[in-house]
Amino acid sequence: MTRHYSFIGTTPGHGGGDSMVKPAQLDEALLEAVDFGLLVPGEIVRATIYERLETVYGIKREQIPEKLPVFHQALQELVRSAAKVIERVIAKNLYSRLGQSFVNHENWTLVDYVDHAKRSLRGD
């Protein structure tokens, strides 16, 4: 079941001064989307990726939102060509959790999608 987040203020992506997303809410939605996306290759692979993130890259699961560029690079190195598919699944799931419409951008990474979601929710 996908958890949807409601934010104080205006409807996400529709401007207004009160539409600021609480960083903790966005971070939690992102972490849940990462959990979901990393299930694409299976539970054992997801557990292995999290273990490698911590031991090789020094990133705990909870640190992914603040270290998203490093997570992106690690995913590229760990799963190579599958990283693009996994990142797109994560982004689609994140947008769904935030009540936003997902639009595929061929050259975007997860970092780009998350930055766009943040700007959209702020009304930028």
PDB file of N, CA and C in Angstrom:
ATOM      1  N   MET A   1       0.840  -1.182   0.000  1.00  0.00           N
ATOM      2  CA  MET A   1       0.000   0.000   0.000  1.00  0.00           C
ATOM      3  C   MET A   1       0.883   1.243   0.000  1.00  0.00           C
ATOM      4  N   THR A   2       0.589   2.156  -0.888  1.00  0.00           N
ATOM      5  CA  THR A   2       1.353   3.385  -0.992  1.00  0.00           C
ATOM      6  C   THR A   2       0.785   4.423  -0.042  1.00  0.00           C
ATOM      7  N   ARG A   3       1.645   4.979   0.790  1.00  0.00           N
ATOM      8  CA  ARG A   3       1.228   6.047   1.696  1.00  0.00           C
ATOM      9  C   ARG A   3       1.310   7.358   0.948  1.00  0.00           C
ATOM     10  N   HIS A   4       0.256   8.136   1.031  1.00  0.00           N
ATOM     11  CA  HIS A   4       0.247   9.467   0.423  1.00  0.00           C
ATOM     12  C   HIS A   4       0.394  10.487   1.540  1.00  0.00           C
ATOM     13  N   TYR A   5       1.123  11.536   1.263  1.00  0.00           N
ATOM     14  CA  TYR A   5       1.398  12.560   2.252  1.00  0.00           C
ATOM     15  C   TYR A   5       0.585  13.794   1.963  1.00  0.00           C
ATOM     16  N   SER A   6      -0.038  14.331   3.001  1.00  0.00           N
ATOM     17  CA  SER A   6      -0.723  15.602   2.835  1.00  0.00           C
ATOM     18  C   SER A   6       0.152  16.678   3.462  1.00  0.00           C
ATOM     19  N   PHE A   7       0.200  17.798   2.802  1.00  0.00           N
ATOM     20  CA  PHE A   7       1.063  18.880   3.237  1.00  0.00           C
ATOM     21  C   PHE A   7       0.230  20.084   3.602  1.00  0.00           C
ATOM     22  N   ILE A   8       0.697  20.813   4.573  1.00  0.00           N
ATOM     23  CA  ILE A   8       0.009  22.012   5.037  1.00  0.00           C
ATOM     24  C   ILE A   8       0.068  23.057   3.937  1.00  0.00           C
ATOM     25  N   GLY A   9      -1.044  23.722   3.686  1.00  0.00           N
ATOM     26  CA  GLY A   9      -1.042  24.807   2.719  1.00  0.00           C
ATOM     27  C   GLY A   9      -1.800  24.442   1.473  1.00  0.00           C
ATOM     28  N   THR A  10      -1.354  24.990   0.366  1.00  0.00           N
ATOM     29  CA  THR A  10      -2.054  24.809  -0.889  1.00  0.00           C
ATOM     30  C   THR A  10      -1.773  23.436  -1.467  1.00  0.00           C
ATOM     31  N   THR A  11      -2.503  23.120  -2.500  1.00  0.00           N
ATOM     32  CA  THR A  11      -2.302  21.862  -3.196  1.00  0.00           C
ATOM     33  C   THR A  11      -0.890  21.823  -3.745  1.00  0.00           C
ATOM     34  N   PRO A  12      -0.179  20.678  -3.622  1.00  0.00           N
ATOM     35  CA  PRO A  12       1.194  20.598  -4.121  1.00  0.00           C
ATOM     36  C   PRO A  12       1.290  21.043  -5.573  1.00  0.00           C
ATOM     37  N   GLY A  13       2.325  21.877  -5.803  1.00  0.00           N
ATOM     38  CA  GLY A  13       2.605  22.319  -7.153  1.00  0.00           C
ATOM     39  C   GLY A  13       1.732  23.460  -7.638  1.00  0.00           C
ATOM     40  N   HIS A  14       0.898  24.024  -6.758  1.00  0.00           N
ATOM     41  CA  HIS A  14       0.009  25.101  -7.192  1.00  0.00           C
ATOM     42  C   HIS A  14       0.337  26.437  -6.540  1.00  0.00           C
ATOM     43  N   GLY A  15       1.568  26.610  -6.143  1.00  0.00           N
ATOM     44  CA  GLY A  15       2.023  27.910  -5.646  1.00  0.00           C
ATOM     45  C   GLY A  15       1.439  28.279  -4.308  1.00  0.00           C
ATOM     46  N   GLY A  16       1.792  29.469  -3.860  1.00  0.00           N
ATOM     47  CA  GLY A  16       1.287  29.953  -2.586  1.00  0.00           C
ATOM     48  C   GLY A  16       2.349  29.861  -1.523  1.00  0.00           C
ATOM     49  N   GLY A  17       2.346  30.781  -0.627  1.00  0.00           N
ATOM     50  CA  GLY A  17       3.383  30.848   0.387  1.00  0.00           C
ATOM     51  C   GLY A  17       3.341  29.748   1.418  1.00  0.00           C
ATOM     52  N   ASP A  18       2.163  29.132   1.637  1.00  0.00           N
ATOM     53  CA  ASP A  18       2.058  28.117   2.673  1.00  0.00           C
ATOM     54  C   ASP A  18       2.288  26.704   2.173  1.00  0.00           C
ATOM     55  N   SER A  19       2.712  26.519   0.930  1.00  0.00           N
ATOM     56  CA  SER A  19       2.802  25.177   0.368  1.00  0.00           C
ATOM     57  C   SER A  19       4.137  24.499   0.650  1.00  0.00           C
ATOM     58  N   MET A  20       4.904  25.035   1.573  1.00  0.00           N
ATOM     59  CA  MET A  20       6.195  24.444   1.895  1.00  0.00           C
ATOM     60  C   MET A  20       6.015  23.048   2.466  1.00  0.00           C
ATOM     61  N   VAL A  21       6.777  22.124   1.944  1.00  0.00           N
ATOM     62  CA  VAL A  21       6.762  20.750   2.423  1.00  0.00           C
ATOM     63  C   VAL A  21       7.733  20.658   3.580  1.00  0.00           C
ATOM     64  N   LYS A  22       7.305  19.977   4.609  1.00  0.00           N
ATOM     65  CA  LYS A  22       8.217  19.753   5.714  1.00  0.00           C
ATOM     66  C   LYS A  22       9.302  18.807   5.227  1.00  0.00           C
ATOM     67  N   PRO A  23      10.570  19.165   5.428  1.00  0.00           N
ATOM     68  CA  PRO A  23      11.655  18.312   4.945  1.00  0.00           C
ATOM     69  C   PRO A  23      11.552  16.870   5.441  1.00  0.00           C
ATOM     70  N   ALA A  24      11.131  16.672   6.667  1.00  0.00           N
ATOM     71  CA  ALA A  24      11.027  15.310   7.198  1.00  0.00           C
ATOM     72  C   ALA A  24       9.989  14.499   6.427  1.00  0.00           C
ATOM     73  N   GLN A  25       8.899  15.141   5.989  1.00  0.00           N
ATOM     74  CA  GLN A  25       7.869  14.432   5.223  1.00  0.00           C
ATOM     75  C   GLN A  25       8.394  14.032   3.850  1.00  0.00           C
ATOM     76  N   LEU A  26       9.089  14.939   3.199  1.00  0.00           N
ATOM     77  CA  LEU A  26       9.656  14.638   1.894  1.00  0.00           C
ATOM     78  C   LEU A  26      10.714  13.547   2.025  1.00  0.00           C
ATOM     79  N   ASP A  27      11.554  13.643   3.042  1.00  0.00           N
ATOM     80  CA  ASP A  27      12.583  12.628   3.257  1.00  0.00           C
ATOM     81  C   ASP A  27      11.965  11.253   3.484  1.00  0.00           C
ATOM     82  N   GLU A  28      10.907  11.188   4.285  1.00  0.00           N
ATOM     83  CA  GLU A  28      10.244   9.904   4.555  1.00  0.00           C
ATOM     84  C   GLU A  28       9.616   9.342   3.286  1.00  0.00           C
ATOM     85  N   ALA A  29       8.975  10.199   2.507  1.00  0.00           N
ATOM     86  CA  ALA A  29       8.393   9.749   1.237  1.00  0.00           C
ATOM     87  C   ALA A  29       9.486   9.228   0.304  1.00  0.00           C
ATOM     88  N   LEU A  30      10.620   9.919   0.274  1.00  0.00           N
ATOM     89  CA  LEU A  30      11.736   9.489  -0.567  1.00  0.00           C
ATOM     90  C   LEU A  30      12.278   8.145  -0.101  1.00  0.00           C
ATOM     91  N   LEU A  31      12.457   7.972   1.206  1.00  0.00           N
ATOM     92  CA  LEU A  31      12.976   6.700   1.722  1.00  0.00           C
ATOM     93  C   LEU A  31      12.034   5.536   1.404  1.00  0.00           C
ATOM     94  N   GLU A  32      10.740   5.774   1.527  1.00  0.00           N
ATOM     95  CA  GLU A  32       9.776   4.722   1.208  1.00  0.00           C
ATOM     96  C   GLU A  32       9.794   4.412  -0.290  1.00  0.00           C
ATOM     97  N   ALA A  33       9.974   5.436  -1.110  1.00  0.00           N
ATOM     98  CA  ALA A  33      10.064   5.222  -2.554  1.00  0.00           C
ATOM     99  C   ALA A  33      11.345   4.459  -2.909  1.00  0.00           C
ATOM    100  N   VAL A  34      12.442   4.757  -2.219  1.00  0.00           N
ATOM    101  CA  VAL A  34      13.691   4.020  -2.435  1.00  0.00           C
ATOM    102  C   VAL A  34      13.496   2.555  -2.048  1.00  0.00           C
ATOM    103  N   ASP A  35      12.892   2.312  -0.889  1.00  0.00           N
ATOM    104  CA  ASP A  35      12.608   0.930  -0.481  1.00  0.00           C
ATOM    105  C   ASP A  35      11.828   0.198  -1.570  1.00  0.00           C
ATOM    106  N   PHE A  36      10.803   0.851  -2.093  1.00  0.00           N
ATOM    107  CA  PHE A  36       9.965   0.258  -3.134  1.00  0.00           C
ATOM    108  C   PHE A  36      10.782   0.000  -4.401  1.00  0.00           C
ATOM    109  N   GLY A  37      11.526   0.999  -4.839  1.00  0.00           N
ATOM    110  CA  GLY A  37      12.302   0.877  -6.077  1.00  0.00           C
ATOM    111  C   GLY A  37      13.380  -0.182  -6.016  1.00  0.00           C
ATOM    112  N   LEU A  38      13.998  -0.319  -4.849  1.00  0.00           N
ATOM    113  CA  LEU A  38      15.058  -1.315  -4.721  1.00  0.00           C
ATOM    114  C   LEU A  38      14.513  -2.736  -4.654  1.00  0.00           C
ATOM    115  N   LEU A  39      13.204  -2.882  -4.591  1.00  0.00           N
ATOM    116  CA  LEU A  39      12.598  -4.216  -4.655  1.00  0.00           C
ATOM    117  C   LEU A  39      12.496  -4.728  -6.091  1.00  0.00           C
ATOM    118  N   VAL A  40      12.736  -3.857  -7.077  1.00  0.00           N
ATOM    119  CA  VAL A  40      12.663  -4.283  -8.481  1.00  0.00           C
ATOM    120  C   VAL A  40      13.543  -5.517  -8.703  1.00  0.00           C
ATOM    121  N   PRO A  41      14.805  -5.504  -8.251  1.00  0.00           N
ATOM    122  CA  PRO A  41      15.624  -6.708  -8.453  1.00  0.00           C
ATOM    123  C   PRO A  41      15.398  -7.787  -7.382  1.00  0.00           C
ATOM    124  N   GLY A  42      14.598  -7.497  -6.366  1.00  0.00           N
ATOM    125  CA  GLY A  42      14.284  -8.494  -5.345  1.00  0.00           C
ATOM    126  C   GLY A  42      14.766  -8.091  -3.952  1.00  0.00           C
ATOM    127  N   GLU A  43      14.187  -8.735  -2.955  1.00  0.00           N
ATOM    128  CA  GLU A  43      14.475  -8.431  -1.547  1.00  0.00           C
ATOM    129  C   GLU A  43      15.945  -8.672  -1.182  1.00  0.00           C
ATOM    130  N   ILE A  44      16.515  -9.764  -1.654  1.00  0.00           N
ATOM    131  CA  ILE A  44      17.913 -10.078  -1.322  1.00  0.00           C
ATOM    132  C   ILE A  44      18.842  -9.034  -1.920  1.00  0.00           C
ATOM    133  N   VAL A  45      18.568  -8.628  -3.151  1.00  0.00           N
ATOM    134  CA  VAL A  45      19.398  -7.601  -3.792  1.00  0.00           C
ATOM    135  C   VAL A  45      19.240  -6.276  -3.061  1.00  0.00           C
ATOM    136  N   ARG A  46      18.008  -5.936  -2.663  1.00  0.00           N
ATOM    137  CA  ARG A  46      17.793  -4.692  -1.916  1.00  0.00           C
ATOM    138  C   ARG A  46      18.604  -4.696  -0.628  1.00  0.00           C
ATOM    139  N   ALA A  47      18.542  -5.790   0.121  1.00  0.00           N
ATOM    140  CA  ALA A  47      19.299  -5.893   1.371  1.00  0.00           C
ATOM    141  C   ALA A  47      20.798  -5.773   1.104  1.00  0.00           C
ATOM    142  N   THR A  48      21.259  -6.368   0.018  1.00  0.00           N
ATOM    143  CA  THR A  48      22.678  -6.299  -0.342  1.00  0.00           C
ATOM    144  C   THR A  48      23.072  -4.876  -0.710  1.00  0.00           C
ATOM    145  N   ILE A  49      22.218  -4.184  -1.440  1.00  0.00           N
ATOM    146  CA  ILE A  49      22.511  -2.790  -1.815  1.00  0.00           C
ATOM    147  C   ILE A  49      22.614  -1.925  -0.567  1.00  0.00           C
ATOM    148  N   TYR A  50      21.662  -2.074   0.354  1.00  0.00           N
ATOM    149  CA  TYR A  50      21.725  -1.290   1.592  1.00  0.00           C
ATOM    150  C   TYR A  50      22.992  -1.602   2.388  1.00  0.00           C
ATOM    151  N   GLU A  51      23.367  -2.868   2.428  1.00  0.00           N
ATOM    152  CA  GLU A  51      24.583  -3.269   3.154  1.00  0.00           C
ATOM    153  C   GLU A  51      25.819  -2.653   2.507  1.00  0.00           C
ATOM    154  N   ARG A  52      25.891  -2.699   1.176  1.00  0.00           N
ATOM    155  CA  ARG A  52      27.036  -2.125   0.451  1.00  0.00           C
ATOM    156  C   ARG A  52      27.061  -0.596   0.583  1.00  0.00           C
ATOM    157  N   LEU A  53      25.897   0.022   0.566  1.00  0.00           N
ATOM    158  CA  LEU A  53      25.842   1.478   0.749  1.00  0.00           C
ATOM    159  C   LEU A  53      26.496   1.872   2.064  1.00  0.00           C
ATOM    160  N   GLU A  54      26.214   1.090   3.095  1.00  0.00           N
ATOM    161  CA  GLU A  54      26.750   1.429   4.411  1.00  0.00           C
ATOM    162  C   GLU A  54      28.235   1.089   4.523  1.00  0.00           C
ATOM    163  N   THR A  55      28.625  -0.110   4.075  1.00  0.00           N
ATOM    164  CA  THR A  55      30.015  -0.533   4.277  1.00  0.00           C
ATOM    165  C   THR A  55      30.993   0.099   3.298  1.00  0.00           C
ATOM    166  N   VAL A  56      30.594   0.272   2.050  1.00  0.00           N
ATOM    167  CA  VAL A  56      31.503   0.802   1.030  1.00  0.00           C
ATOM    168  C   VAL A  56      31.392   2.319   0.895  1.00  0.00           C
ATOM    169  N   TYR A  57      30.168   2.830   0.939  1.00  0.00           N
ATOM    170  CA  TYR A  57      29.950   4.254   0.674  1.00  0.00           C
ATOM    171  C   TYR A  57      29.686   5.075   1.934  1.00  0.00           C
ATOM    172  N   GLY A  58      29.537   4.409   3.066  1.00  0.00           N
ATOM    173  CA  GLY A  58      29.322   5.107   4.326  1.00  0.00           C
ATOM    174  C   GLY A  58      27.968   5.790   4.436  1.00  0.00           C
ATOM    175  N   ILE A  59      26.961   5.262   3.742  1.00  0.00           N
ATOM    176  CA  ILE A  59      25.628   5.855   3.762  1.00  0.00           C
ATOM    177  C   ILE A  59      24.643   4.871   4.373  1.00  0.00           C
ATOM    178  N   LYS A  60      24.019   5.292   5.465  1.00  0.00           N
ATOM    179  CA  LYS A  60      22.937   4.506   6.043  1.00  0.00           C
ATOM    180  C   LYS A  60      21.652   4.867   5.293  1.00  0.00           C
ATOM    181  N   ARG A  61      20.684   3.978   5.333  1.00  0.00           N
ATOM    182  CA  ARG A  61      19.407   4.194   4.639  1.00  0.00           C
ATOM    183  C   ARG A  61      18.837   5.567   4.967  1.00  0.00           C
ATOM    184  N   GLU A  62      18.843   5.929   6.236  1.00  0.00           N
ATOM    185  CA  GLU A  62      18.247   7.176   6.687  1.00  0.00           C
ATOM    186  C   GLU A  62      18.973   8.413   6.151  1.00  0.00           C
ATOM    187  N   GLN A  63      20.199   8.239   5.670  1.00  0.00           N
ATOM    188  CA  GLN A  63      20.986   9.365   5.160  1.00  0.00           C
ATOM    189  C   GLN A  63      20.806   9.591   3.660  1.00  0.00           C
ATOM    190  N   ILE A  64      20.079   8.709   2.994  1.00  0.00           N
ATOM    191  CA  ILE A  64      19.922   8.825   1.538  1.00  0.00           C
ATOM    192  C   ILE A  64      19.385  10.192   1.114  1.00  0.00           C
ATOM    193  N   PRO A  65      18.327  10.727   1.760  1.00  0.00           N
ATOM    194  CA  PRO A  65      17.836  12.035   1.299  1.00  0.00           C
ATOM    195  C   PRO A  65      18.883  13.145   1.340  1.00  0.00           C
ATOM    196  N   GLU A  66      19.714  13.151   2.366  1.00  0.00           N
ATOM    197  CA  GLU A  66      20.721  14.219   2.477  1.00  0.00           C
ATOM    198  C   GLU A  66      21.963  13.931   1.646  1.00  0.00           C
ATOM    199  N   LYS A  67      22.143  12.687   1.231  1.00  0.00           N
ATOM    200  CA  LYS A  67      23.309  12.302   0.432  1.00  0.00           C
ATOM    201  C   LYS A  67      22.867  11.699  -0.897  1.00  0.00           C
ATOM    202  N   LEU A  68      21.831  12.274  -1.474  1.00  0.00           N
ATOM    203  CA  LEU A  68      21.233  11.723  -2.686  1.00  0.00           C
ATOM    204  C   LEU A  68      22.215  11.612  -3.851  1.00  0.00           C
ATOM    205  N   PRO A  69      23.076  12.606  -4.107  1.00  0.00           N
ATOM    206  CA  PRO A  69      24.036  12.447  -5.211  1.00  0.00           C
ATOM    207  C   PRO A  69      24.987  11.251  -5.003  1.00  0.00           C
ATOM    208  N   VAL A  70      25.381  11.016  -3.771  1.00  0.00           N
ATOM    209  CA  VAL A  70      26.260   9.871  -3.486  1.00  0.00           C
ATOM    210  C   VAL A  70      25.481   8.571  -3.668  1.00  0.00           C
ATOM    211  N   PHE A  71      24.209   8.550  -3.224  1.00  0.00           N
ATOM    212  CA  PHE A  71      23.366   7.379  -3.429  1.00  0.00           C
ATOM    213  C   PHE A  71      23.229   7.089  -4.923  1.00  0.00           C
ATOM    214  N   HIS A  72      22.985   8.130  -5.717  1.00  0.00           N
ATOM    215  CA  HIS A  72      22.860   7.973  -7.173  1.00  0.00           C
ATOM    216  C   HIS A  72      24.131   7.344  -7.744  1.00  0.00           C
ATOM    217  N   GLN A  73      25.284   7.873  -7.369  1.00  0.00           N
ATOM    218  CA  GLN A  73      26.566   7.353  -7.884  1.00  0.00           C
ATOM    219  C   GLN A  73      26.792   5.909  -7.440  1.00  0.00           C
ATOM    220  N   ALA A  74      26.477   5.621  -6.178  1.00  0.00           N
ATOM    221  CA  ALA A  74      26.639   4.256  -5.664  1.00  0.00           C
ATOM    222  C   ALA A  74      25.747   3.285  -6.429  1.00  0.00           C
ATOM    223  N   LEU A  75      24.513   3.683  -6.671  1.00  0.00           N
ATOM    224  CA  LEU A  75      23.586   2.822  -7.401  1.00  0.00           C
ATOM    225  C   LEU A  75      24.115   2.552  -8.812  1.00  0.00           C
ATOM    226  N   GLN A  76      24.671   3.581  -9.452  1.00  0.00           N
ATOM    227  CA  GLN A  76      25.271   3.405 -10.782  1.00  0.00           C
ATOM    228  C   GLN A  76      26.382   2.354 -10.739  1.00  0.00           C
ATOM    229  N   GLU A  77      27.210   2.435  -9.716  1.00  0.00           N
ATOM    230  CA  GLU A  77      28.337   1.512  -9.607  1.00  0.00           C
ATOM    231  C   GLU A  77      27.901   0.107  -9.205  1.00  0.00           C
ATOM    232  N   LEU A  78      26.882   0.012  -8.360  1.00  0.00           N
ATOM    233  CA  LEU A  78      26.456  -1.289  -7.848  1.00  0.00           C
ATOM    234  C   LEU A  78      25.615  -2.094  -8.838  1.00  0.00           C
ATOM    235  N   VAL A  79      24.717  -1.444  -9.546  1.00  0.00           N
ATOM    236  CA  VAL A  79      23.806  -2.191 -10.426  1.00  0.00           C
ATOM    237  C   VAL A  79      23.924  -1.780 -11.896  1.00  0.00           C
ATOM    238  N   ARG A  80      24.855  -0.916 -12.183  1.00  0.00           N
ATOM    239  CA  ARG A  80      25.180  -0.491 -13.537  1.00  0.00           C
ATOM    240  C   ARG A  80      23.967  -0.071 -14.366  1.00  0.00           C
ATOM    241  N   SER A  81      23.683  -0.760 -15.447  1.00  0.00           N
ATOM    242  CA  SER A  81      22.618  -0.327 -16.357  1.00  0.00           C
ATOM    243  C   SER A  81      21.228  -0.411 -15.728  1.00  0.00           C
ATOM    244  N   ALA A  82      21.047  -1.227 -14.702  1.00  0.00           N
ATOM    245  CA  ALA A  82      19.740  -1.321 -14.038  1.00  0.00           C
ATOM    246  C   ALA A  82      19.444  -0.077 -13.198  1.00  0.00           C
ATOM    247  N   ALA A  83      20.455   0.714 -12.904  1.00  0.00           N
ATOM    248  CA  ALA A  83      20.274   1.895 -12.049  1.00  0.00           C
ATOM    249  C   ALA A  83      19.253   2.865 -12.644  1.00  0.00           C
ATOM    250  N   LYS A  84      19.291   3.067 -13.945  1.00  0.00           N
ATOM    251  CA  LYS A  84      18.356   4.008 -14.579  1.00  0.00           C
ATOM    252  C   LYS A  84      16.912   3.554 -14.399  1.00  0.00           C
ATOM    253  N   VAL A  85      16.670   2.267 -14.559  1.00  0.00           N
ATOM    254  CA  VAL A  85      15.326   1.720 -14.385  1.00  0.00           C
ATOM    255  C   VAL A  85      14.891   1.853 -12.931  1.00  0.00           C
ATOM    256  N   ILE A  86      15.776   1.487 -12.016  1.00  0.00           N
ATOM    257  CA  ILE A  86      15.458   1.556 -10.584  1.00  0.00           C
ATOM    258  C   ILE A  86      15.194   2.995 -10.167  1.00  0.00           C
ATOM    259  N   GLU A  87      16.016   3.924 -10.631  1.00  0.00           N
ATOM    260  CA  GLU A  87      15.826   5.332 -10.281  1.00  0.00           C
ATOM    261  C   GLU A  87      14.491   5.849 -10.810  1.00  0.00           C
ATOM    262  N   ARG A  88      14.106   5.430 -12.002  1.00  0.00           N
ATOM    263  CA  ARG A  88      12.828   5.874 -12.558  1.00  0.00           C
ATOM    264  C   ARG A  88      11.666   5.307 -11.742  1.00  0.00           C
ATOM    265  N   VAL A  89      11.777   4.054 -11.294  1.00  0.00           N
ATOM    266  CA  VAL A  89      10.739   3.457 -10.443  1.00  0.00           C
ATOM    267  C   VAL A  89      10.647   4.223  -9.124  1.00  0.00           C
ATOM    268  N   ILE A  90      11.799   4.565  -8.549  1.00  0.00           N
ATOM    269  CA  ILE A  90      11.824   5.343  -7.302  1.00  0.00           C
ATOM    270  C   ILE A  90      11.149   6.694  -7.521  1.00  0.00           C
ATOM    271  N   ALA A  91      11.512   7.370  -8.604  1.00  0.00           N
ATOM    272  CA  ALA A  91      10.951   8.701  -8.895  1.00  0.00           C
ATOM    273  C   ALA A  91       9.440   8.627  -9.097  1.00  0.00           C
ATOM    274  N   LYS A  92       8.972   7.652  -9.874  1.00  0.00           N
ATOM    275  CA  LYS A  92       7.529   7.507 -10.101  1.00  0.00           C
ATOM    276  C   LYS A  92       6.803   7.276  -8.787  1.00  0.00           C
ATOM    277  N   ASN A  93       7.374   6.432  -7.941  1.00  0.00           N
ATOM    278  CA  ASN A  93       6.751   6.128  -6.657  1.00  0.00           C
ATOM    279  C   ASN A  93       6.751   7.356  -5.750  1.00  0.00           C
ATOM    280  N   LEU A  94       7.845   8.102  -5.744  1.00  0.00           N
ATOM    281  CA  LEU A  94       7.923   9.328  -4.945  1.00  0.00           C
ATOM    282  C   LEU A  94       6.862  10.326  -5.396  1.00  0.00           C
ATOM    283  N   TYR A  95       6.759  10.561  -6.699  1.00  0.00           N
ATOM    284  CA  TYR A  95       5.772  11.503  -7.212  1.00  0.00           C
ATOM    285  C   TYR A  95       4.366  11.066  -6.823  1.00  0.00           C
ATOM    286  N   SER A  96       4.094   9.782  -6.904  1.00  0.00           N
ATOM    287  CA  SER A  96       2.784   9.272  -6.510  1.00  0.00           C
ATOM    288  C   SER A  96       2.514   9.551  -5.038  1.00  0.00           C
ATOM    289  N   ARG A  97       3.485   9.317  -4.189  1.00  0.00           N
ATOM    290  CA  ARG A  97       3.337   9.561  -2.747  1.00  0.00           C
ATOM    291  C   ARG A  97       3.095  11.034  -2.456  1.00  0.00           C
ATOM    292  N   LEU A  98       3.658  11.896  -3.289  1.00  0.00           N
ATOM    293  CA  LEU A  98       3.523  13.339  -3.086  1.00  0.00           C
ATOM    294  C   LEU A  98       2.308  13.919  -3.802  1.00  0.00           C
ATOM    295  N   GLY A  99       1.573  13.078  -4.510  1.00  0.00           N
ATOM    296  CA  GLY A  99       0.399  13.548  -5.232  1.00  0.00           C
ATOM    297  C   GLY A  99       0.739  14.346  -6.469  1.00  0.00           C
ATOM    298  N   GLN A 100       1.913  14.104  -7.039  1.00  0.00           N
ATOM    299  CA  GLN A 100       2.342  14.822  -8.234  1.00  0.00           C
ATOM    300  C   GLN A 100       2.264  13.909  -9.446  1.00  0.00           C
ATOM    301  N   SER A 101       2.108  14.507 -10.599  1.00  0.00           N
ATOM    302  CA  SER A 101       2.125  13.755 -11.851  1.00  0.00           C
ATOM    303  C   SER A 101       3.563  13.540 -12.276  1.00  0.00           C
ATOM    304  N   PHE A 102       3.884  12.315 -12.633  1.00  0.00           N
ATOM    305  CA  PHE A 102       5.227  11.981 -13.090  1.00  0.00           C
ATOM    306  C   PHE A 102       5.316  12.157 -14.598  1.00  0.00           C
ATOM    307  N   VAL A 103       6.357  12.833 -15.046  1.00  0.00           N
ATOM    308  CA  VAL A 103       6.653  12.972 -16.469  1.00  0.00           C
ATOM    309  C   VAL A 103       8.073  12.462 -16.674  1.00  0.00           C
ATOM    310  N   ASN A 104       8.213  11.506 -17.581  1.00  0.00           N
ATOM    311  CA  ASN A 104       9.522  10.933 -17.854  1.00  0.00           C
ATOM    312  C   ASN A 104      10.401  11.937 -18.609  1.00  0.00           C
ATOM    313  N   HIS A 105      11.628  12.104 -18.129  1.00  0.00           N
ATOM    314  CA  HIS A 105      12.633  12.925 -18.801  1.00  0.00           C
ATOM    315  C   HIS A 105      13.831  12.022 -19.057  1.00  0.00           C
ATOM    316  N   GLU A 106      14.114  11.782 -20.311  1.00  0.00           N
ATOM    317  CA  GLU A 106      15.104  10.786 -20.718  1.00  0.00           C
ATOM    318  C   GLU A 106      16.459  10.917 -20.020  1.00  0.00           C
ATOM    319  N   ASN A 107      16.943  12.116 -19.858  1.00  0.00           N
ATOM    320  CA  ASN A 107      18.298  12.295 -19.317  1.00  0.00           C
ATOM    321  C   ASN A 107      18.339  12.651 -17.831  1.00  0.00           C
ATOM    322  N   TRP A 108      17.204  12.618 -17.150  1.00  0.00           N
ATOM    323  CA  TRP A 108      17.187  12.965 -15.736  1.00  0.00           C
ATOM    324  C   TRP A 108      17.622  11.789 -14.883  1.00  0.00           C
ATOM    325  N   THR A 109      18.259  12.114 -13.767  1.00  0.00           N
ATOM    326  CA  THR A 109      18.604  11.125 -12.759  1.00  0.00           C
ATOM    327  C   THR A 109      17.641  11.279 -11.592  1.00  0.00           C
ATOM    328  N   LEU A 110      17.768  10.421 -10.616  1.00  0.00           N
ATOM    329  CA  LEU A 110      16.936  10.536  -9.421  1.00  0.00           C
ATOM    330  C   LEU A 110      17.130  11.896  -8.748  1.00  0.00           C
ATOM    331  N   VAL A 111      18.349  12.393  -8.763  1.00  0.00           N
ATOM    332  CA  VAL A 111      18.635  13.701  -8.174  1.00  0.00           C
ATOM    333  C   VAL A 111      17.808  14.782  -8.872  1.00  0.00           C
ATOM    334  N   ASP A 112      17.734  14.723 -10.192  1.00  0.00           N
ATOM    335  CA  ASP A 112      16.944  15.700 -10.950  1.00  0.00           C
ATOM    336  C   ASP A 112      15.462  15.606 -10.598  1.00  0.00           C
ATOM    337  N   TYR A 113      14.944  14.379 -10.539  1.00  0.00           N
ATOM    338  CA  TYR A 113      13.521  14.201 -10.205  1.00  0.00           C
ATOM    339  C   TYR A 113      13.202  14.719  -8.803  1.00  0.00           C
ATOM    340  N   VAL A 114      14.065  14.441  -7.836  1.00  0.00           N
ATOM    341  CA  VAL A 114      13.817  14.896  -6.460  1.00  0.00           C
ATOM    342  C   VAL A 114      13.898  16.416  -6.389  1.00  0.00           C
ATOM    343  N   ASP A 115      14.879  16.999  -7.059  1.00  0.00           N
ATOM    344  CA  ASP A 115      14.978  18.468  -7.085  1.00  0.00           C
ATOM    345  C   ASP A 115      13.722  19.078  -7.706  1.00  0.00           C
ATOM    346  N   HIS A 116      13.247  18.493  -8.789  1.00  0.00           N
ATOM    347  CA  HIS A 116      12.040  18.983  -9.448  1.00  0.00           C
ATOM    348  C   HIS A 116      10.830  18.864  -8.523  1.00  0.00           C
ATOM    349  N   ALA A 117      10.708  17.732  -7.834  1.00  0.00           N
ATOM    350  CA  ALA A 117       9.584  17.535  -6.899  1.00  0.00           C
ATOM    351  C   ALA A 117       9.618  18.584  -5.792  1.00  0.00           C
ATOM    352  N   LYS A 118      10.789  18.865  -5.268  1.00  0.00           N
ATOM    353  CA  LYS A 118      10.923  19.888  -4.209  1.00  0.00           C
ATOM    354  C   LYS A 118      10.484  21.251  -4.732  1.00  0.00           C
ATOM    355  N   ARG A 119      10.966  21.621  -5.924  1.00  0.00           N
ATOM    356  CA  ARG A 119      10.587  22.918  -6.504  1.00  0.00           C
ATOM    357  C   ARG A 119       9.085  22.991  -6.761  1.00  0.00           C
ATOM    358  N   SER A 120       8.515  21.917  -7.259  1.00  0.00           N
ATOM    359  CA  SER A 120       7.086  21.863  -7.547  1.00  0.00           C
ATOM    360  C   SER A 120       6.265  22.057  -6.280  1.00  0.00           C
ATOM    361  N   LEU A 121       6.671  21.395  -5.228  1.00  0.00           N
ATOM    362  CA  LEU A 121       5.929  21.482  -3.973  1.00  0.00           C
ATOM    363  C   LEU A 121       6.052  22.855  -3.339  1.00  0.00           C
ATOM    364  N   ARG A 122       7.137  23.551  -3.630  1.00  0.00           N
ATOM    365  CA  ARG A 122       7.315  24.924  -3.123  1.00  0.00           C
ATOM    366  C   ARG A 122       6.572  25.918  -3.999  1.00  0.00           C
ATOM    367  N   GLY A 123       6.172  25.488  -5.193  1.00  0.00           N
ATOM    368  CA  GLY A 123       5.483  26.376  -6.119  1.00  0.00           C
ATOM    369  C   GLY A 123       6.429  27.145  -7.014  1.00  0.00           C
ATOM    370  N   ASP A 124       7.693  26.721  -7.071  1.00  0.00           N
ATOM    371  CA  ASP A 124       8.681  27.394  -7.930  1.00  0.00           C
ATOM    372  C   ASP A 124       8.425  27.107  -9.385  1.00  0.00           C
TER     373      ASP A 124
END
